Amino acid sequence: MKKSAEGLANFAEKIYAEKWPYRFGSYGNIIVGKRRSDCYGIRKAYSWDRGPYSVYTAAEDQNAATAYARALVGGPISTMPDKRGIIVCKKNALGRIYHAGVYVGNDMVIDIYLEGRPARKDPITMHGWTLWFEDIFIDYTHVESVVLPTPTAPTVSTCPYFEPVESAIYKNGVTFRGNDAGWYQWQLNKRGYGLAVDKIAGTKTWKAINDMQAKTGVGVGNAGPRTRNVIRN
């Protein structure tokens, strides 16, 4: 039975909190008195976890490159949905996948990256992640839901971001970044949504966009000119 994506994200948080060090070829097994893992070993350590240690399971053994090649869902990092437990990865100069991490929500990734160094937790915009995928040994059917903040009285000032170009359309639920994300977040906050204006439009921003679309009758879906018009006005 597959373990959950939410459980994988929580297990990665545990690895970070316990400062597991990197050891090539390890997967949560105990080496010199401490649990250790390599980068994709985080997934294996979770799948094979037995509490104080992990037990090797040949049927679920693969490396990051094989995991990406076998994935049924995945793609460029710019298309990654905001789902905890997704695996992110990147390629070396030869175009081969050589490193992986686990997305834990709030635009943060946990990975273990250098021999002897402990796990780290950094924004997804750091460390050059280029690809994402849903691991075939993890169940992504149920993911953590995001509750919209309760709207409060609007705050009016001059928006520091340029409105997206007329032709800009963002696919519903797909994270987007930069000036356009900042514009949506700032405009939605004028309507009281209380978003963090971090220029990374993930799950919480999309929940607010969809809520605004539903309330104004433009239809819940992609964010384009009609959506911007109702958000702005």
Protein backbone atom coordinates (compact mmCIF):
# COMPACT_ATOMS: atom_id res chain seq x y z
CA MET A 1 0.00 0.00 0.00
CA LYS A 2 1.36 3.41 -1.00
CA LYS A 3 2.03 5.99 1.67
CA SER A 4 0.61 9.50 1.32
CA ALA A 5 2.13 12.66 -0.15
CA GLU A 6 1.20 14.52 3.02
CA GLY A 7 3.03 11.88 5.04
CA LEU A 8 6.11 12.27 2.83
CA ALA A 9 6.15 16.03 3.40
CA ASN A 10 5.81 15.52 7.16
CA PHE A 11 8.56 12.88 7.12
CA ALA A 12 10.86 15.31 5.27
CA GLU A 13 10.13 17.87 8.01
CA LYS A 14 11.13 15.23 10.57
CA ILE A 15 14.40 14.60 8.71
CA TYR A 16 15.10 18.33 8.71
CA ALA A 17 14.29 18.70 12.42
CA GLU A 18 16.50 15.73 13.30
CA LYS A 19 19.31 17.02 11.04
CA TRP A 20 19.90 13.78 9.18
CA PRO A 21 23.27 14.00 7.40
CA TYR A 22 23.86 13.09 3.76
CA ARG A 23 25.35 9.69 3.01
CA PHE A 24 25.38 8.41 -0.55
CA GLY A 25 23.33 5.23 -0.96
CA SER A 26 21.59 5.48 2.41
CA TYR A 27 17.83 5.61 3.02
CA GLY A 28 17.13 6.17 6.72
CA ASN A 29 19.22 3.23 7.85
CA ILE A 30 21.44 3.71 10.87
CA ILE A 31 25.12 4.35 10.11
CA VAL A 32 27.55 5.11 12.98
CA GLY A 33 24.66 5.53 15.38
CA LYS A 34 22.60 7.99 13.29
CA ARG A 35 19.94 7.74 10.58
CA ARG A 36 21.28 9.03 7.28
CA SER A 37 20.02 9.47 3.73
CA ASP A 38 20.99 10.66 0.29
CA CYS A 39 18.74 13.04 -1.65
CA TYR A 40 16.17 10.68 -3.18
CA GLY A 41 16.71 8.45 -0.17
CA ILE A 42 14.23 10.70 1.66
CA ARG A 43 11.40 9.08 -0.31
CA LYS A 44 12.79 5.59 0.25
CA ALA A 45 13.36 6.22 3.96
CA TYR A 46 9.71 7.26 4.27
CA SER A 47 8.34 4.34 2.26
CA TRP A 48 10.48 1.85 4.17
CA ASP A 49 10.26 3.50 7.61
CA ARG A 50 9.96 1.20 10.63
CA GLY A 51 10.13 3.87 13.33
CA PRO A 52 13.74 4.06 14.51
CA TYR A 53 15.16 2.87 11.17
CA SER A 54 14.19 1.98 7.58
CA VAL A 55 14.27 -1.48 5.99
CA TYR A 56 15.45 -1.88 2.40
CA THR A 57 12.70 -2.99 -0.02
CA ALA A 58 14.01 -4.02 -3.43
CA ALA A 59 10.65 -3.68 -5.20
CA GLU A 60 10.57 0.07 -4.48
CA ASP A 61 14.25 0.82 -5.05
CA GLN A 62 15.18 3.39 -7.72
CA ASN A 63 17.24 6.56 -8.02
CA ALA A 64 16.04 10.10 -8.79
CA ALA A 65 16.59 9.78 -12.55
CA THR A 66 14.65 6.51 -12.75
CA ALA A 67 11.92 7.94 -10.53
CA TYR A 68 11.44 10.89 -12.87
CA ALA A 69 11.51 8.68 -15.97
CA ARG A 70 8.83 6.39 -14.50
CA ALA A 71 6.60 9.20 -13.21
CA LEU A 72 3.18 9.56 -14.83
CA VAL A 73 2.79 13.20 -13.74
CA GLY A 74 5.49 15.88 -13.84
CA GLY A 75 7.20 18.56 -15.90
CA PRO A 76 9.09 21.88 -15.79
CA ILE A 77 9.23 23.56 -12.39
CA SER A 78 7.21 26.52 -13.75
CA THR A 79 4.19 24.20 -14.10
CA MET A 80 4.40 22.61 -10.65
CA PRO A 81 1.13 22.57 -8.66
CA ASP A 82 1.30 23.63 -5.01
CA LYS A 83 1.00 20.10 -3.56
CA ARG A 84 2.96 18.93 -0.52
CA GLY A 85 5.02 15.81 -1.13
CA ILE A 86 5.90 16.49 -4.77
CA ILE A 87 9.49 15.59 -5.68
CA VAL A 88 11.60 18.34 -7.27
CA CYS A 89 14.85 17.65 -9.09
CA LYS A 90 17.48 19.12 -11.40
CA LYS A 91 19.98 18.09 -14.05
CA ASN A 92 23.75 18.34 -14.31
CA ALA A 93 25.73 19.78 -17.23
CA LEU A 94 25.27 16.51 -19.14
CA GLY A 95 21.49 16.74 -18.87
CA ARG A 96 21.19 13.92 -16.34
CA ILE A 97 19.05 14.16 -13.21
CA TYR A 98 21.39 14.04 -10.25
CA HIS A 99 19.64 15.61 -7.25
CA ALA A 100 16.16 15.63 -5.72
CA GLY A 101 14.24 17.20 -2.85
CA VAL A 102 10.75 17.13 -1.35
CA TYR A 103 8.35 20.07 -1.63
CA VAL A 104 6.75 20.66 1.79
CA GLY A 105 4.41 23.57 1.03
CA ASN A 106 4.66 27.34 1.50
CA ASP A 107 7.13 27.33 -1.42
CA MET A 108 9.76 25.46 0.62
CA VAL A 109 11.86 22.41 -0.28
CA ILE A 110 13.75 20.04 2.00
CA ASP A 111 16.77 18.22 0.60
CA ILE A 112 20.02 16.60 1.72
CA TYR A 113 22.83 17.65 -0.53
CA LEU A 114 26.44 17.15 0.56
CA GLU A 115 28.33 14.33 2.28
CA GLY A 116 28.11 14.74 6.04
CA ARG A 117 25.98 17.90 5.87
CA PRO A 118 22.53 17.93 7.52
CA ALA A 119 19.23 18.31 5.66
CA ARG A 120 18.36 21.87 4.67
CA LYS A 121 15.06 23.70 4.12
CA ASP A 122 15.05 26.57 1.63
CA PRO A 123 12.68 28.43 -0.76
CA ILE A 124 11.96 26.59 -3.99
CA THR A 125 13.52 29.49 -5.90
CA MET A 126 16.94 28.54 -4.49
CA HIS A 127 19.33 25.79 -5.65
CA GLY A 128 18.23 25.64 -9.30
CA TRP A 129 15.33 23.17 -9.25
CA THR A 130 14.13 22.64 -12.82
CA LEU A 131 11.71 19.68 -12.77
CA TRP A 132 8.97 18.16 -10.61
CA PHE A 133 7.10 14.87 -10.51
CA GLU A 134 4.67 12.75 -8.52
CA ASP A 135 6.51 9.64 -7.36
CA ILE A 136 4.87 6.39 -8.43
CA PHE A 137 5.34 4.95 -4.92
CA ILE A 138 3.47 7.81 -3.23
CA ASP A 139 -0.30 8.38 -3.15
CA TYR A 140 -1.14 11.94 -4.26
CA THR A 141 -4.90 11.43 -4.15
CA HIS A 142 -5.32 13.26 -0.85
CA VAL A 143 -3.35 16.45 -0.22
CA GLU A 144 -3.54 19.08 2.50
CA SER A 145 -6.35 21.56 1.91
CA VAL A 146 -5.81 25.29 2.24
CA VAL A 147 -8.33 27.41 4.12
CA LEU A 148 -8.88 30.91 2.78
CA PRO A 149 -8.26 33.75 5.22
CA THR A 150 -11.39 35.61 6.28
CA PRO A 151 -11.73 38.86 4.27
CA THR A 152 -11.21 42.04 6.28
CA ALA A 153 -11.64 45.72 5.52
CA PRO A 154 -9.75 46.62 2.30
CA THR A 155 -6.57 48.64 2.40
CA VAL A 156 -6.22 51.16 -0.42
CA SER A 157 -2.87 52.46 -1.69
CA THR A 158 -0.87 52.52 -4.94
CA CYS A 159 -0.06 49.09 -6.30
CA PRO A 160 3.74 48.64 -6.64
CA TYR A 161 3.31 46.04 -9.40
CA PHE A 162 2.45 46.47 -13.08
CA GLU A 163 -0.77 44.88 -14.28
CA PRO A 164 -0.07 41.77 -16.39
CA VAL A 165 -0.12 42.27 -20.15
CA GLU A 166 -3.52 41.93 -21.83
CA SER A 167 -2.76 38.49 -23.28
CA ALA A 168 -1.48 36.96 -20.01
CA ILE A 169 -3.54 33.93 -18.94
CA TYR A 170 -2.51 31.65 -16.07
CA LYS A 171 -3.75 28.05 -15.93
CA ASN A 172 -6.00 27.39 -12.98
CA GLY A 173 -4.08 26.04 -9.99
CA VAL A 174 -0.61 26.19 -11.54
CA THR A 175 1.91 28.22 -9.53
CA PHE A 176 3.25 31.35 -11.23
CA ARG A 177 5.80 33.87 -10.03
CA GLY A 178 7.20 37.37 -10.42
CA ASN A 179 5.54 40.74 -11.04
CA ASP A 180 2.24 39.20 -12.19
CA ALA A 181 1.93 37.08 -9.05
CA GLY A 182 2.66 40.14 -6.92
CA TRP A 183 -0.04 42.11 -8.79
CA TYR A 184 -2.70 39.47 -8.12
CA GLN A 185 -1.72 39.15 -4.46
CA TRP A 186 -1.70 42.92 -3.89
CA GLN A 187 -5.05 43.46 -5.64
CA LEU A 188 -6.65 40.57 -3.75
CA ASN A 189 -5.39 41.99 -0.47
CA LYS A 190 -7.25 45.21 -1.29
CA ARG A 191 -10.34 42.99 -1.09
CA GLY A 192 -9.21 41.69 2.30
CA TYR A 193 -7.72 38.28 1.54
CA GLY A 194 -4.63 38.76 3.69
CA LEU A 195 -2.16 36.99 1.40
CA ALA A 196 1.62 37.15 1.75
CA VAL A 197 2.79 39.34 -1.14
CA ASP A 198 5.81 37.21 -1.99
CA LYS A 199 5.36 37.17 -5.80
CA ILE A 200 4.81 33.40 -5.75
CA ALA A 201 1.19 32.59 -6.58
CA GLY A 202 0.62 29.13 -5.16
CA THR A 203 -2.32 27.35 -3.57
CA LYS A 204 -3.42 30.15 -1.23
CA THR A 205 -3.32 32.77 -3.99
CA TRP A 206 -5.29 30.49 -6.31
CA LYS A 207 -7.88 29.83 -3.60
CA ALA A 208 -8.37 33.60 -3.31
CA ILE A 209 -8.53 34.05 -7.11
CA ASN A 210 -11.10 31.25 -7.43
CA ASP A 211 -13.11 32.66 -4.52
CA MET A 212 -13.18 36.09 -6.19
CA GLN A 213 -14.15 34.51 -9.52
CA ALA A 214 -17.03 32.64 -7.89
CA LYS A 215 -18.32 35.71 -6.05
CA THR A 216 -18.27 37.90 -9.16
CA GLY A 217 -19.68 35.31 -11.56
CA VAL A 218 -16.83 35.25 -14.10
CA GLY A 219 -16.46 31.49 -13.69
CA VAL A 220 -13.88 29.64 -11.64
CA GLY A 221 -10.91 28.69 -13.79
CA ASN A 222 -7.92 30.25 -15.53
CA ALA A 223 -6.88 33.77 -14.59
CA GLY A 224 -6.95 36.13 -17.58
CA PRO A 225 -8.28 39.57 -18.60
CA ARG A 226 -11.83 39.03 -17.24
CA THR A 227 -10.54 37.88 -13.88
CA ARG A 228 -8.14 40.82 -13.62
CA ASN A 229 -10.94 43.21 -14.50
CA VAL A 230 -13.17 42.07 -11.63
CA ILE A 231 -10.27 41.89 -9.17
CA ARG A 232 -9.13 45.39 -10.12
CA ASN A 233 -12.60 46.96 -10.14
